[in-house]
Each structure stands twice: as structure tokens, then as C-alpha cells.
Protein backbone atom coordinates (compact mmCIF):
# COMPACT_ATOMS: atom_id res chain seq x y z
CA MET A 1 -30.02 -2.91 -15.38
CA ALA A 2 -32.64 -5.11 -13.65
CA ASP A 3 -35.33 -2.49 -14.95
CA VAL A 4 -33.87 -3.13 -18.47
CA VAL A 5 -34.00 -6.76 -18.15
CA TYR A 6 -37.71 -6.72 -17.09
CA GLY A 7 -38.29 -4.40 -20.03
CA ILE A 8 -36.62 -6.91 -22.44
CA LEU A 9 -38.70 -9.66 -21.07
CA LEU A 10 -41.83 -7.50 -21.54
CA SER A 11 -40.60 -6.62 -25.02
CA ASN A 12 -40.67 -2.82 -24.37
CA VAL A 13 -36.99 -2.22 -24.30
CA HIS A 14 -34.51 -2.70 -27.09
CA PRO A 15 -31.77 -5.05 -26.00
CA VAL A 16 -28.98 -3.09 -27.50
CA THR A 17 -29.80 0.57 -26.32
CA GLY A 18 -31.69 -0.24 -23.06
CA ASP A 19 -34.04 2.65 -23.93
CA THR A 20 -37.77 2.57 -22.94
CA ASN A 21 -40.58 4.44 -24.67
CA HIS A 22 -43.66 3.98 -22.53
CA GLY A 23 -44.14 0.42 -23.47
CA ASN A 24 -43.16 0.70 -26.95
CA GLN A 25 -40.04 -0.94 -28.30
CA THR A 26 -37.36 1.50 -29.41
CA ILE A 27 -35.02 1.05 -32.26
CA ALA A 28 -31.21 1.25 -31.87
CA PRO A 29 -29.77 4.04 -33.97
CA ASP A 30 -27.11 1.60 -35.40
CA GLU A 31 -25.33 -1.80 -34.55
CA GLU A 32 -22.45 0.07 -32.78
CA THR A 33 -24.51 1.59 -29.93
CA PHE A 34 -22.99 -0.66 -27.27
CA LEU A 35 -19.53 -0.04 -28.72
CA GLN A 36 -20.11 3.72 -28.59
CA THR A 37 -21.98 3.89 -25.24
CA VAL A 38 -19.96 1.28 -23.16
CA ILE A 39 -16.74 0.29 -24.77
CA THR A 40 -15.58 3.59 -26.11
CA PRO A 41 -15.90 5.60 -22.70
CA ILE A 42 -13.94 3.04 -20.88
CA TYR A 43 -11.38 2.78 -23.64
CA GLN A 44 -11.01 6.57 -23.46
CA VAL A 45 -10.35 6.45 -19.75
CA LEU A 46 -7.58 3.85 -20.42
CA GLN A 47 -6.04 6.15 -23.16
CA LYS A 48 -5.99 9.24 -20.97
CA GLU A 49 -4.49 7.35 -18.06
CA ALA A 50 -1.88 5.90 -20.47
CA LYS A 51 -0.89 9.54 -21.48
CA ARG A 52 -0.59 10.67 -17.92
CA ASN A 53 2.26 8.37 -17.25
CA LYS A 54 4.42 10.31 -19.54
CA GLY A 55 6.02 7.55 -21.35
CA GLY A 56 6.67 5.62 -18.16
CA LYS A 57 8.41 8.43 -16.33
CA ALA A 58 5.55 9.57 -14.09
CA SER A 59 5.11 8.11 -10.63
CA HIS A 60 2.57 5.21 -10.43
CA SER A 61 0.91 7.12 -7.63
CA ARG A 62 0.03 9.85 -10.14
CA TRP A 63 -1.95 7.75 -12.64
CA ARG A 64 -4.31 4.96 -12.49
CA ASN A 65 -2.89 1.69 -14.09
CA TYR A 66 -4.65 -1.65 -14.98
CA ASP A 67 -4.94 -2.75 -11.46
CA ASP A 68 -6.60 0.54 -10.25
CA LEU A 69 -9.17 0.56 -13.13
CA ASN A 70 -9.86 -3.25 -12.68
CA GLU A 71 -10.26 -2.97 -8.85
CA TYR A 72 -12.74 -0.11 -9.34
CA PHE A 73 -15.30 -2.66 -10.44
CA TRP A 74 -14.58 -4.85 -7.47
CA SER A 75 -16.31 -2.62 -5.18
CA ARG A 76 -19.61 -0.66 -4.77
CA LYS A 77 -17.96 2.42 -6.30
CA CYS A 78 -18.81 1.17 -9.74
CA PHE A 79 -22.40 1.55 -9.19
CA SER A 80 -21.89 5.38 -9.29
CA LEU A 81 -21.55 4.86 -13.07
CA LYS A 82 -25.34 4.27 -13.03
CA TRP A 83 -27.15 2.60 -16.19
CA PRO A 84 -26.93 3.91 -18.86
CA MET A 85 -23.56 4.99 -17.78
CA ASP A 86 -23.18 8.60 -16.70
CA PRO A 87 -20.35 10.39 -18.51
CA LYS A 88 -20.09 12.92 -15.60
CA ALA A 89 -19.28 10.04 -13.14
CA ASP A 90 -15.88 10.47 -11.27
CA PHE A 91 -14.63 7.45 -13.13
CA PHE A 92 -14.66 9.52 -16.33
CA VAL A 93 -14.28 13.01 -15.22
CA HIS A 94 -11.14 12.58 -13.16
CA SER A 95 -9.43 11.23 -16.09
CA ASP A 96 -9.58 14.42 -18.03
CA VAL A 97 -7.10 16.13 -15.81
CA VAL A 98 -4.41 15.04 -18.34
CA LEU A 99 -5.74 17.71 -20.83
CA PRO A 100 -4.39 21.31 -20.82
CA SER A 101 -6.30 23.65 -18.69
CA HIS A 102 -7.73 25.61 -21.68
CA GLU A 103 -9.27 22.43 -22.98
CA ARG A 104 -11.26 21.51 -19.75
CA PRO A 105 -13.03 24.54 -18.69
CA ASN A 106 -15.51 22.64 -16.36
CA GLN A 107 -12.96 20.17 -15.10
CA VAL A 108 -12.29 19.39 -11.44
CA PRO A 109 -8.71 20.36 -10.19
CA ALA A 110 -6.09 17.72 -10.41
CA GLU A 111 -5.75 17.27 -6.61
CA THR A 112 -9.26 15.93 -6.46
CA ARG A 113 -8.73 13.25 -9.17
CA LYS A 114 -9.85 9.77 -8.64
CA PRO A 115 -7.42 8.32 -5.99
CA LYS A 116 -5.38 5.25 -6.36
CA THR A 117 -6.73 1.84 -5.14
CA ASN A 118 -5.11 -0.31 -2.55
CA PHE A 119 -2.14 -1.33 -4.69
CA VAL A 120 0.34 1.52 -5.44
CA GLU A 121 3.31 0.54 -7.51
CA ALA A 122 6.03 2.90 -6.02
CA ARG A 123 9.17 2.65 -7.93
CA THR A 124 11.67 1.09 -5.55
CA PHE A 125 13.82 -2.04 -5.28
CA TRP A 126 12.26 -2.64 -1.83
CA HIS A 127 9.36 -4.37 -3.61
CA LEU A 128 11.85 -7.23 -4.03
CA TYR A 129 11.95 -7.72 -0.36
CA ARG A 130 8.28 -6.75 0.47
CA SER A 131 6.79 -9.00 -2.26
CA PHE A 132 8.89 -11.97 -1.39
CA ASP A 133 9.59 -11.22 2.21
CA ARG A 134 9.12 -14.75 3.41
CA MET A 135 11.79 -16.02 1.09
CA TRP A 136 14.32 -13.39 2.11
CA ILE A 137 13.65 -13.85 5.81
CA PHE A 138 14.18 -17.66 5.60
CA PHE A 139 17.33 -17.16 3.45
CA ILE A 140 18.82 -14.56 6.02
CA MET A 141 17.86 -16.65 9.03
CA ALA A 142 19.32 -19.81 7.57
CA PHE A 143 22.49 -18.04 6.61
CA GLN A 144 22.93 -16.68 10.12
CA ALA A 145 22.38 -20.04 11.59
CA MET A 146 24.97 -21.74 9.41
CA VAL A 147 27.39 -18.97 10.21
CA ILE A 148 27.01 -19.60 13.89
CA VAL A 149 27.28 -23.35 13.68
CA ALA A 150 30.36 -23.08 11.19
CA TRP A 151 32.01 -20.66 13.72
CA THR A 152 32.15 -23.28 16.47
CA SER A 153 35.45 -25.10 17.26
CA ASP A 154 34.74 -28.24 15.07
CA GLY A 155 32.44 -26.55 12.54
CA SER A 156 30.15 -29.69 12.49
CA PRO A 157 26.46 -29.55 12.10
CA ALA A 158 26.14 -31.66 15.25
CA ALA A 159 27.35 -28.65 17.25
CA VAL A 160 23.98 -27.32 17.00
CA PHE A 161 23.00 -29.79 19.83
CA ASP A 162 25.43 -28.04 22.14
CA GLU A 163 23.49 -25.99 24.70
CA ASP A 164 25.57 -22.84 24.23
CA VAL A 165 25.64 -23.14 20.34
CA PHE A 166 21.80 -23.75 20.37
CA ARG A 167 21.20 -20.63 22.50
CA SER A 168 23.21 -18.71 19.93
CA VAL A 169 21.28 -20.22 17.10
CA LEU A 170 18.04 -19.04 18.74
CA THR A 171 18.96 -15.41 18.07
CA ILE A 172 17.90 -15.85 14.61
CA PHE A 173 14.48 -15.06 15.87
CA ILE A 174 15.69 -11.67 16.86
CA THR A 175 16.84 -11.05 13.43
CA GLN A 176 13.43 -12.22 12.07
CA ALA A 177 11.76 -9.80 14.42
CA PHE A 178 13.75 -6.85 13.00
CA LEU A 179 13.00 -8.22 9.42
CA ASN A 180 9.28 -8.35 10.22
CA LEU A 181 9.57 -4.76 11.55
CA LEU A 182 11.11 -3.77 8.22
CA ARG A 183 8.27 -5.55 6.29
CA ALA A 184 5.61 -3.75 8.40
CA ALA A 185 7.32 -0.34 7.80
CA LEU A 186 7.34 -0.95 4.06
CA ASP A 187 3.77 -1.98 4.05
CA ILE A 188 2.97 1.46 5.52
CA VAL A 189 5.36 3.52 3.34
CA LEU A 190 4.77 1.77 0.09
CA SER A 191 0.90 1.96 0.33
CA PHE A 192 0.70 5.42 1.97
CA ASN A 193 -0.49 7.09 -1.33
CA ALA A 194 -3.55 4.57 -1.39
CA TRP A 195 -4.71 5.28 2.18
CA ARG A 196 -7.45 7.55 0.84
CA SER A 197 -9.03 4.54 -0.85
CA LEU A 198 -8.27 2.14 2.03
CA LYS A 199 -10.87 1.15 4.61
CA CYS A 200 -10.29 2.16 8.24
CA THR A 201 -9.94 -1.56 9.13
CA GLN A 202 -7.08 -1.98 6.64
CA ILE A 203 -5.32 0.97 7.80
CA LEU A 204 -5.64 -0.21 11.36
CA ARG A 205 -4.23 -3.52 10.51
CA TYR A 206 -1.17 -1.85 9.05
CA LEU A 207 -0.57 0.16 12.12
CA LEU A 208 -1.25 -2.72 14.51
CA LYS A 209 1.15 -4.91 12.73
CA PHE A 210 3.75 -2.31 12.76
CA ALA A 211 3.28 -1.78 16.56
CA VAL A 212 3.40 -5.58 17.25
CA ALA A 213 6.50 -5.93 15.18
CA ALA A 214 8.14 -3.05 17.12
CA VAL A 215 7.29 -4.66 20.45
CA TRP A 216 8.84 -7.91 19.55
CA ALA A 217 11.83 -6.17 18.09
CA VAL A 218 12.43 -4.62 21.48
CA ILE A 219 11.43 -7.42 23.74
CA LEU A 220 13.35 -10.40 22.14
CA PRO A 221 16.97 -8.60 22.41
CA ILE A 222 16.27 -7.56 25.96
CA TRP A 223 15.15 -11.16 27.01
CA GLN A 224 17.93 -12.85 25.07
CA SER A 225 20.08 -12.91 28.03
CA GLN A 226 17.34 -14.23 30.33
CA GLY A 227 17.71 -17.90 29.40
CA SER A 228 14.50 -19.74 29.78
CA LEU A 229 12.44 -16.60 29.74
CA TYR A 230 13.79 -15.98 26.09
CA ASN A 231 12.80 -19.52 25.13
CA TYR A 232 9.33 -18.95 26.30
CA ALA A 233 9.12 -15.60 24.39
CA VAL A 234 10.36 -17.40 21.16
CA ALA A 235 7.73 -19.93 21.68
CA ILE A 236 5.02 -17.41 21.94
CA TYR A 237 6.56 -15.40 19.04
CA LEU A 238 6.33 -18.55 16.76
CA VAL A 239 2.73 -19.40 17.50
CA PRO A 240 1.20 -17.42 14.65
CA ASN A 241 3.72 -18.72 12.18
CA ILE A 242 3.12 -22.37 13.30
CA LEU A 243 -0.72 -21.83 12.92
CA ALA A 244 -0.12 -20.29 9.58
CA ALA A 245 1.93 -23.28 8.37
CA PHE A 246 -0.67 -25.59 9.82
CA LEU A 247 -3.56 -23.97 7.91
CA PHE A 248 -1.33 -24.06 4.86
CA PHE A 249 -1.24 -27.78 4.91
CA LEU A 250 -5.05 -27.99 5.79
CA PRO A 251 -6.68 -25.81 3.13
CA ARG A 252 -10.21 -27.31 3.90
CA LEU A 253 -9.87 -26.19 7.56
CA SER A 254 -8.91 -22.62 6.37
CA ARG A 255 -11.94 -22.38 4.10
CA ILE A 256 -14.27 -23.37 7.00
CA MET A 257 -12.55 -20.86 9.22
CA GLU A 258 -13.21 -18.09 6.51
CA GLN A 259 -16.91 -18.87 6.59
CA SER A 260 -17.08 -18.88 10.50
CA ASN A 261 -19.05 -16.30 12.30
CA SER A 262 -16.92 -16.67 15.39
CA LEU A 263 -15.57 -13.27 16.44
CA ILE A 264 -12.16 -14.69 17.51
CA VAL A 265 -11.95 -16.61 14.22
CA ARG A 266 -12.81 -13.74 12.09
CA LEU A 267 -10.36 -11.63 14.14
CA CYS A 268 -7.54 -14.05 13.33
CA MET A 269 -8.39 -14.23 9.58
CA TRP A 270 -8.56 -10.50 9.55
CA TRP A 271 -5.12 -10.22 11.15
CA GLY A 272 -3.64 -12.71 8.74
CA GLN A 273 -5.21 -11.34 5.53
CA VAL A 274 -2.90 -11.53 2.54
CA ARG A 275 -1.78 -8.03 1.35
CA ILE A 276 -2.95 -6.70 -1.93
CA SER A 277 0.66 -6.28 -3.13
CA ARG A 278 1.47 -9.83 -2.56
CA MET A 279 -1.81 -10.94 -4.34
CA VAL A 280 -0.71 -8.97 -7.32
CA THR A 281 2.69 -10.30 -7.24
CA PHE A 282 1.43 -13.82 -7.12
CA HIS A 283 -0.77 -12.99 -10.23
CA ARG A 284 2.15 -11.55 -12.07
CA CYS A 285 4.78 -14.08 -10.85
CA SER A 286 2.89 -17.28 -10.55
CA CYS A 287 5.82 -19.24 -11.97
CA SER A 288 7.79 -18.56 -8.71
CA TYR A 289 7.09 -21.33 -6.30
CA PHE A 290 8.95 -19.68 -3.51
CA SER A 291 5.98 -17.42 -2.91
CA PHE A 292 3.71 -20.27 -1.82
CA LEU A 293 6.01 -22.25 0.48
CA PRO A 294 5.23 -21.90 4.14
CA PHE A 295 8.37 -19.97 5.10
CA GLU A 296 6.76 -18.42 8.15
CA PHE A 297 6.98 -21.82 9.81
CA PHE A 298 10.69 -21.19 10.12
């Protein structure tokens, strides 16, 4: 495209077609060249992918939806289209698998079609928990704490200041540990079909978060009867959540950390990176203010 721009500036390339003719300006065949050579091929990809979903009955992992096609142009993969766009590029070729076999003699097999991107819309109600996990975790923990306080002899909220009752209320963090483990497991299961397109660092983060969540789900129940040792464990367990809430209220500091070259800071930002599924959910459900509250603080 840069060569075309230089050619336009030197008046030896037609601004519509992008063709060169050894220094002579070429003439576009008609006024619809851009529509035919750029817009139409991409539209045909959309049309073929829409047919592959079989009227909404096919699994989302079997066809590329709007998010997949959009995210394709977020990465360096889009440069494989070249300029002018190559009709044999994988972005176009892999869309033809929707055609019958006798209509695509030179087509690649279906198993080598273009893979999904990071976000795979697996049809399951577990997305209600995964996308709004902070809200559900907060509600479940709050309900457990209220049940514990209400089950005391007087049922007064002041009972939480009693040592035994307070120790029982602290068990809500054991519940949180298991809910975080469930969230980490769903992150792996619901995005498994997209692993072919994920970077190694993204897959590593999924696995490490699952491992850490599993460790806390084992440690906290074991140490719950250890008294002060359990209190220290809870304090350590809450450090990442408190830091996340702290950065939430100081967005300027968060932006500074994102631009830092410090290895420790970059590691922390990498660990706390927002999931693609949650970003898409925010985009689609921006009217829900629950998603933006710092529930991890609790």
C-alpha cells in the first residue's frame, strides 16, 4: 500500500485501482472497481460463514462469526492478504468449505479451515457465570456470610464481632477459592477450541491460573482449623484482589504501569490481563454496571 501511495504522489498510479504501468497512469475499468476488488470478496466471506451456521443450529466453534472476522484484522495475519488482495489467501479460501465437494475441486479440506480466534461462543449457560463471575462470587459470598450471622443465637448483625462467628464468616474465602477454581476451569474448557489461534503466553496464563486456583482451593480448607495460620493465608490470598481494587480507583496509575518496562510490573499486568470473553461481554452488555464494579475487593 505504501508503494501505491508513492505512486499516487508521483501520478503514475490510479488512486482507484492501485495499478502501475511503468510510470504511466492507468485508467480504472469502471467506478465500481473498489467495490468489486475489496468490498465484494470480504462480503462473500461473510455470506459463506453465515451459511455455515445452518440457520443458527451449528456450533459457534464450526464457523467464523463477526468477532472472528473482525479480530483477524487486529493481528499481523491480515498482511497475508497482500495488496492488491490475493483471492487465494487463507482468509478467502477457507471460507469455501461450506460448498459441496463437487463444487470446490481445488479446495482445502474442512479440517484445515481457518481456525477460530480467541473468543469462541460455546453454547452453554455457564457463560452467565463466566462472563459475570465477579458478580456471582460476590452474591454467593454475601449470602453465605448473612446465613452464618443469621444462624447465631440472637441473629443480630453485631454478632459478626464475636470471635467464633467472625472465624466462621471467614470461611467465605474458601467458597471464593472454589468459585475461582470453577472460573479458571471454564476459561480453559470454553476457550479450548480457540487454542490453535492463541499465543503460548495466553495458554500458559490459563494453565497457571487454574493451577494457582487449585492450590488455594486445597490450602484454605486444610488451614481453616489452624486459627492464626488461616488468617495469614486469607490475607495473602486477598492481596491480588486488593491491588486490583486499588488500581481500579487509580486509573492513571494503571496506565503508567501498562507502559512500564519493569519485568515485575509487566508480569503483574500480564497476569491480570482481562479475558477476551469478558471484553466482548462488556462490549455487548455495556448497560450492565455490575461488570465494572470492583467485586474482587470482596
